[in-house]
Amino acid sequence: MKKNLKLDSYEKELLESIEDESQWIEIEDIKEEQERMKKYAINTQERIKEINIQLNENIFYQFKKKSIENGISYQNLINALIHNYTIGKIKLNL
Protein backbone atom coordinates (compact mmCIF):
# COMPACT_ATOMS: atom_id res chain seq x y z
CA MET A 1 0.00 0.00 0.00
CA LYS A 2 1.29 3.49 -0.81
CA LYS A 3 2.03 5.42 2.37
CA ASN A 4 1.55 8.89 0.93
CA LEU A 5 -2.18 8.40 0.37
CA LYS A 6 -4.52 9.90 2.95
CA LEU A 7 -7.28 7.34 3.26
CA ASP A 8 -10.06 6.97 5.79
CA SER A 9 -10.59 3.61 7.50
CA TYR A 10 -13.14 2.43 4.92
CA GLU A 11 -10.83 3.31 2.03
CA LYS A 12 -7.89 1.56 3.73
CA GLU A 13 -10.00 -1.57 4.27
CA LEU A 14 -11.12 -1.52 0.63
CA LEU A 15 -7.58 -1.05 -0.67
CA GLU A 16 -6.28 -3.87 1.52
CA SER A 17 -9.03 -6.19 0.25
CA ILE A 18 -8.14 -5.32 -3.35
CA GLU A 19 -4.47 -6.02 -2.70
CA ASP A 20 -5.42 -9.40 -1.16
CA GLU A 21 -6.21 -11.28 -4.37
CA SER A 22 -7.89 -14.13 -2.48
CA GLN A 23 -10.89 -11.88 -1.76
CA TRP A 24 -11.67 -11.09 -5.40
CA ILE A 25 -12.38 -13.08 -8.55
CA GLU A 26 -11.52 -12.05 -12.07
CA ILE A 27 -14.37 -11.78 -14.55
CA GLU A 28 -13.32 -13.27 -17.86
CA ASP A 29 -15.90 -11.58 -20.11
CA ILE A 30 -16.93 -8.27 -18.57
CA LYS A 31 -19.44 -7.45 -21.34
CA GLU A 32 -21.23 -10.76 -20.82
CA GLU A 33 -21.30 -10.19 -17.05
CA GLN A 34 -22.72 -6.68 -17.53
CA GLU A 35 -25.50 -8.04 -19.74
CA ARG A 36 -26.26 -10.74 -17.18
CA MET A 37 -26.48 -8.13 -14.41
CA LYS A 38 -28.74 -5.92 -16.56
CA LYS A 39 -31.13 -8.86 -16.97
CA TYR A 40 -31.14 -9.41 -13.20
CA ALA A 41 -31.89 -5.73 -12.63
CA ILE A 42 -34.74 -5.71 -15.14
CA ASN A 43 -36.25 -8.87 -13.67
CA THR A 44 -36.07 -7.62 -10.10
CA GLN A 45 -37.45 -4.15 -10.60
CA GLU A 46 -40.22 -3.73 -8.12
CA ARG A 47 -43.55 -2.35 -9.07
CA ILE A 48 -45.12 -0.16 -6.43
CA LYS A 49 -48.73 -0.77 -5.49
CA GLU A 50 -50.32 2.09 -3.63
CA ILE A 51 -52.65 1.12 -0.82
CA ASN A 52 -54.70 2.99 1.76
CA ILE A 53 -54.49 1.84 5.35
CA GLN A 54 -56.10 3.09 8.52
CA LEU A 55 -53.79 3.19 11.52
CA ASN A 56 -54.29 4.18 15.10
CA GLU A 57 -52.95 7.74 15.36
CA ASN A 58 -50.47 6.77 18.10
CA ILE A 59 -49.08 3.93 15.98
CA PHE A 60 -48.75 6.28 13.03
CA TYR A 61 -46.70 8.75 15.08
CA GLN A 62 -44.56 5.94 16.45
CA PHE A 63 -43.81 4.87 12.86
CA LYS A 64 -42.95 8.47 11.96
CA LYS A 65 -40.60 8.72 14.95
CA LYS A 66 -38.87 5.42 14.14
CA SER A 67 -38.54 6.37 10.48
CA ILE A 68 -36.88 9.68 11.40
CA GLU A 69 -34.51 7.84 13.76
CA ASN A 70 -33.54 5.52 10.90
CA GLY A 71 -33.39 8.18 8.20
CA ILE A 72 -36.09 6.67 6.00
CA SER A 73 -39.69 7.53 5.21
CA TYR A 74 -42.42 5.94 7.29
CA GLN A 75 -43.77 4.37 4.08
CA ASN A 76 -40.42 2.63 3.50
CA LEU A 77 -40.35 1.52 7.13
CA ILE A 78 -43.82 -0.02 6.82
CA ASN A 79 -42.80 -1.63 3.52
CA ALA A 80 -39.67 -3.09 5.15
CA LEU A 81 -41.70 -4.54 8.01
CA ILE A 82 -44.22 -6.12 5.65
CA HIS A 83 -41.42 -7.49 3.48
CA ASN A 84 -39.60 -8.99 6.48
CA TYR A 85 -42.86 -10.56 7.66
CA THR A 86 -43.65 -12.07 4.26
CA ILE A 87 -40.20 -13.67 3.95
CA GLY A 88 -40.37 -15.04 7.49
CA LYS A 89 -37.74 -12.81 9.12
CA ILE A 90 -40.22 -11.61 11.73
CA LYS A 91 -43.16 -13.36 13.36
CA LEU A 92 -46.35 -11.88 14.73
CA ASN A 93 -47.88 -12.86 18.03
CA LEU A 94 -51.60 -12.80 17.28
C-alpha atoms as a PDB file:
ATOM      1  CA  MET A   1       0.000   0.000   0.000  1.00  0.00           C
ATOM      2  CA  LYS A   2       1.295   3.489  -0.813  1.00  0.00           C
ATOM      3  CA  LYS A   3       2.033   5.420   2.372  1.00  0.00           C
ATOM      4  CA  ASN A   4       1.553   8.893   0.930  1.00  0.00           C
ATOM      5  CA  LEU A   5      -2.181   8.396   0.372  1.00  0.00           C
ATOM      6  CA  LYS A   6      -4.520   9.899   2.953  1.00  0.00           C
ATOM      7  CA  LEU A   7      -7.282   7.340   3.261  1.00  0.00           C
ATOM      8  CA  ASP A   8     -10.062   6.972   5.791  1.00  0.00           C
ATOM      9  CA  SER A   9     -10.586   3.605   7.504  1.00  0.00           C
ATOM     10  CA  TYR A  10     -13.136   2.429   4.922  1.00  0.00           C
ATOM     11  CA  GLU A  11     -10.829   3.312   2.035  1.00  0.00           C
ATOM     12  CA  LYS A  12      -7.894   1.560   3.733  1.00  0.00           C
ATOM     13  CA  GLU A  13     -10.002  -1.566   4.269  1.00  0.00           C
ATOM     14  CA  LEU A  14     -11.122  -1.520   0.630  1.00  0.00           C
ATOM     15  CA  LEU A  15      -7.581  -1.046  -0.666  1.00  0.00           C
ATOM     16  CA  GLU A  16      -6.276  -3.868   1.518  1.00  0.00           C
ATOM     17  CA  SER A  17      -9.028  -6.188   0.252  1.00  0.00           C
ATOM     18  CA  ILE A  18      -8.142  -5.320  -3.353  1.00  0.00           C
ATOM     19  CA  GLU A  19      -4.467  -6.021  -2.701  1.00  0.00           C
ATOM     20  CA  ASP A  20      -5.418  -9.400  -1.162  1.00  0.00           C
ATOM     21  CA  GLU A  21      -6.211 -11.285  -4.374  1.00  0.00           C
ATOM     22  CA  SER A  22      -7.893 -14.135  -2.480  1.00  0.00           C
ATOM     23  CA  GLN A  23     -10.887 -11.876  -1.761  1.00  0.00           C
ATOM     24  CA  TRP A  24     -11.671 -11.088  -5.397  1.00  0.00           C
ATOM     25  CA  ILE A  25     -12.376 -13.077  -8.545  1.00  0.00           C
ATOM     26  CA  GLU A  26     -11.522 -12.053 -12.074  1.00  0.00           C
ATOM     27  CA  ILE A  27     -14.369 -11.776 -14.549  1.00  0.00           C
ATOM     28  CA  GLU A  28     -13.324 -13.271 -17.860  1.00  0.00           C
ATOM     29  CA  ASP A  29     -15.897 -11.582 -20.106  1.00  0.00           C
ATOM     30  CA  ILE A  30     -16.932  -8.265 -18.570  1.00  0.00           C
ATOM     31  CA  LYS A  31     -19.439  -7.448 -21.340  1.00  0.00           C
ATOM     32  CA  GLU A  32     -21.234 -10.757 -20.817  1.00  0.00           C
ATOM     33  CA  GLU A  33     -21.302 -10.185 -17.053  1.00  0.00           C
ATOM     34  CA  GLN A  34     -22.716  -6.679 -17.535  1.00  0.00           C
ATOM     35  CA  GLU A  35     -25.499  -8.040 -19.739  1.00  0.00           C
ATOM     36  CA  ARG A  36     -26.258 -10.736 -17.177  1.00  0.00           C
ATOM     37  CA  MET A  37     -26.482  -8.128 -14.409  1.00  0.00           C
ATOM     38  CA  LYS A  38     -28.739  -5.921 -16.564  1.00  0.00           C
ATOM     39  CA  LYS A  39     -31.127  -8.856 -16.967  1.00  0.00           C
ATOM     40  CA  TYR A  40     -31.136  -9.410 -13.197  1.00  0.00           C
ATOM     41  CA  ALA A  41     -31.888  -5.726 -12.635  1.00  0.00           C
ATOM     42  CA  ILE A  42     -34.740  -5.708 -15.144  1.00  0.00           C
ATOM     43  CA  ASN A  43     -36.253  -8.871 -13.670  1.00  0.00           C
ATOM     44  CA  THR A  44     -36.068  -7.619 -10.102  1.00  0.00           C
ATOM     45  CA  GLN A  45     -37.453  -4.145 -10.600  1.00  0.00           C
ATOM     46  CA  GLU A  46     -40.225  -3.727  -8.118  1.00  0.00           C
ATOM     47  CA  ARG A  47     -43.554  -2.346  -9.072  1.00  0.00           C
ATOM     48  CA  ILE A  48     -45.115  -0.161  -6.429  1.00  0.00           C
ATOM     49  CA  LYS A  49     -48.732  -0.774  -5.494  1.00  0.00           C
ATOM     50  CA  GLU A  50     -50.316   2.088  -3.629  1.00  0.00           C
ATOM     51  CA  ILE A  51     -52.654   1.120  -0.817  1.00  0.00           C
ATOM     52  CA  ASN A  52     -54.700   2.989   1.758  1.00  0.00           C
ATOM     53  CA  ILE A  53     -54.488   1.840   5.348  1.00  0.00           C
ATOM     54  CA  GLN A  54     -56.097   3.090   8.516  1.00  0.00           C
ATOM     55  CA  LEU A  55     -53.788   3.188  11.525  1.00  0.00           C
ATOM     56  CA  ASN A  56     -54.295   4.181  15.099  1.00  0.00           C
ATOM     57  CA  GLU A  57     -52.946   7.744  15.359  1.00  0.00           C
ATOM     58  CA  ASN A  58     -50.470   6.770  18.103  1.00  0.00           C
ATOM     59  CA  ILE A  59     -49.080   3.927  15.981  1.00  0.00           C
ATOM     60  CA  PHE A  60     -48.753   6.283  13.025  1.00  0.00           C
ATOM     61  CA  TYR A  61     -46.700   8.755  15.079  1.00  0.00           C
ATOM     62  CA  GLN A  62     -44.559   5.935  16.447  1.00  0.00           C
ATOM     63  CA  PHE A  63     -43.812   4.871  12.861  1.00  0.00           C
ATOM     64  CA  LYS A  64     -42.954   8.471  11.958  1.00  0.00           C
ATOM     65  CA  LYS A  65     -40.600   8.718  14.951  1.00  0.00           C
ATOM     66  CA  LYS A  66     -38.868   5.420  14.137  1.00  0.00           C
ATOM     67  CA  SER A  67     -38.542   6.372  10.482  1.00  0.00           C
ATOM     68  CA  ILE A  68     -36.875   9.679  11.399  1.00  0.00           C
ATOM     69  CA  GLU A  69     -34.508   7.840  13.763  1.00  0.00           C
ATOM     70  CA  ASN A  70     -33.539   5.521  10.899  1.00  0.00           C
ATOM     71  CA  GLY A  71     -33.394   8.182   8.198  1.00  0.00           C
ATOM     72  CA  ILE A  72     -36.094   6.669   6.002  1.00  0.00           C
ATOM     73  CA  SER A  73     -39.691   7.530   5.210  1.00  0.00           C
ATOM     74  CA  TYR A  74     -42.419   5.940   7.285  1.00  0.00           C
ATOM     75  CA  GLN A  75     -43.769   4.369   4.080  1.00  0.00           C
ATOM     76  CA  ASN A  76     -40.424   2.632   3.505  1.00  0.00           C
ATOM     77  CA  LEU A  77     -40.352   1.517   7.132  1.00  0.00           C
ATOM     78  CA  ILE A  78     -43.825  -0.021   6.825  1.00  0.00           C
ATOM     79  CA  ASN A  79     -42.798  -1.630   3.520  1.00  0.00           C
ATOM     80  CA  ALA A  80     -39.668  -3.091   5.147  1.00  0.00           C
ATOM     81  CA  LEU A  81     -41.697  -4.537   8.013  1.00  0.00           C
ATOM     82  CA  ILE A  82     -44.220  -6.116   5.653  1.00  0.00           C
ATOM     83  CA  HIS A  83     -41.415  -7.485   3.481  1.00  0.00           C
ATOM     84  CA  ASN A  84     -39.599  -8.994   6.483  1.00  0.00           C
ATOM     85  CA  TYR A  85     -42.855 -10.563   7.655  1.00  0.00           C
ATOM     86  CA  THR A  86     -43.647 -12.071   4.257  1.00  0.00           C
ATOM     87  CA  ILE A  87     -40.203 -13.667   3.953  1.00  0.00           C
ATOM     88  CA  GLY A  88     -40.368 -15.040   7.494  1.00  0.00           C
ATOM     89  CA  LYS A  89     -37.740 -12.813   9.122  1.00  0.00           C
ATOM     90  CA  ILE A  90     -40.218 -11.610  11.733  1.00  0.00           C
ATOM     91  CA  LYS A  91     -43.157 -13.365  13.357  1.00  0.00           C
ATOM     92  CA  LEU A  92     -46.352 -11.881  14.731  1.00  0.00           C
ATOM     93  CA  ASN A  93     -47.883 -12.865  18.026  1.00  0.00           C
ATOM     94  CA  LEU A  94     -51.596 -12.804  17.281  1.00  0.00           C
END
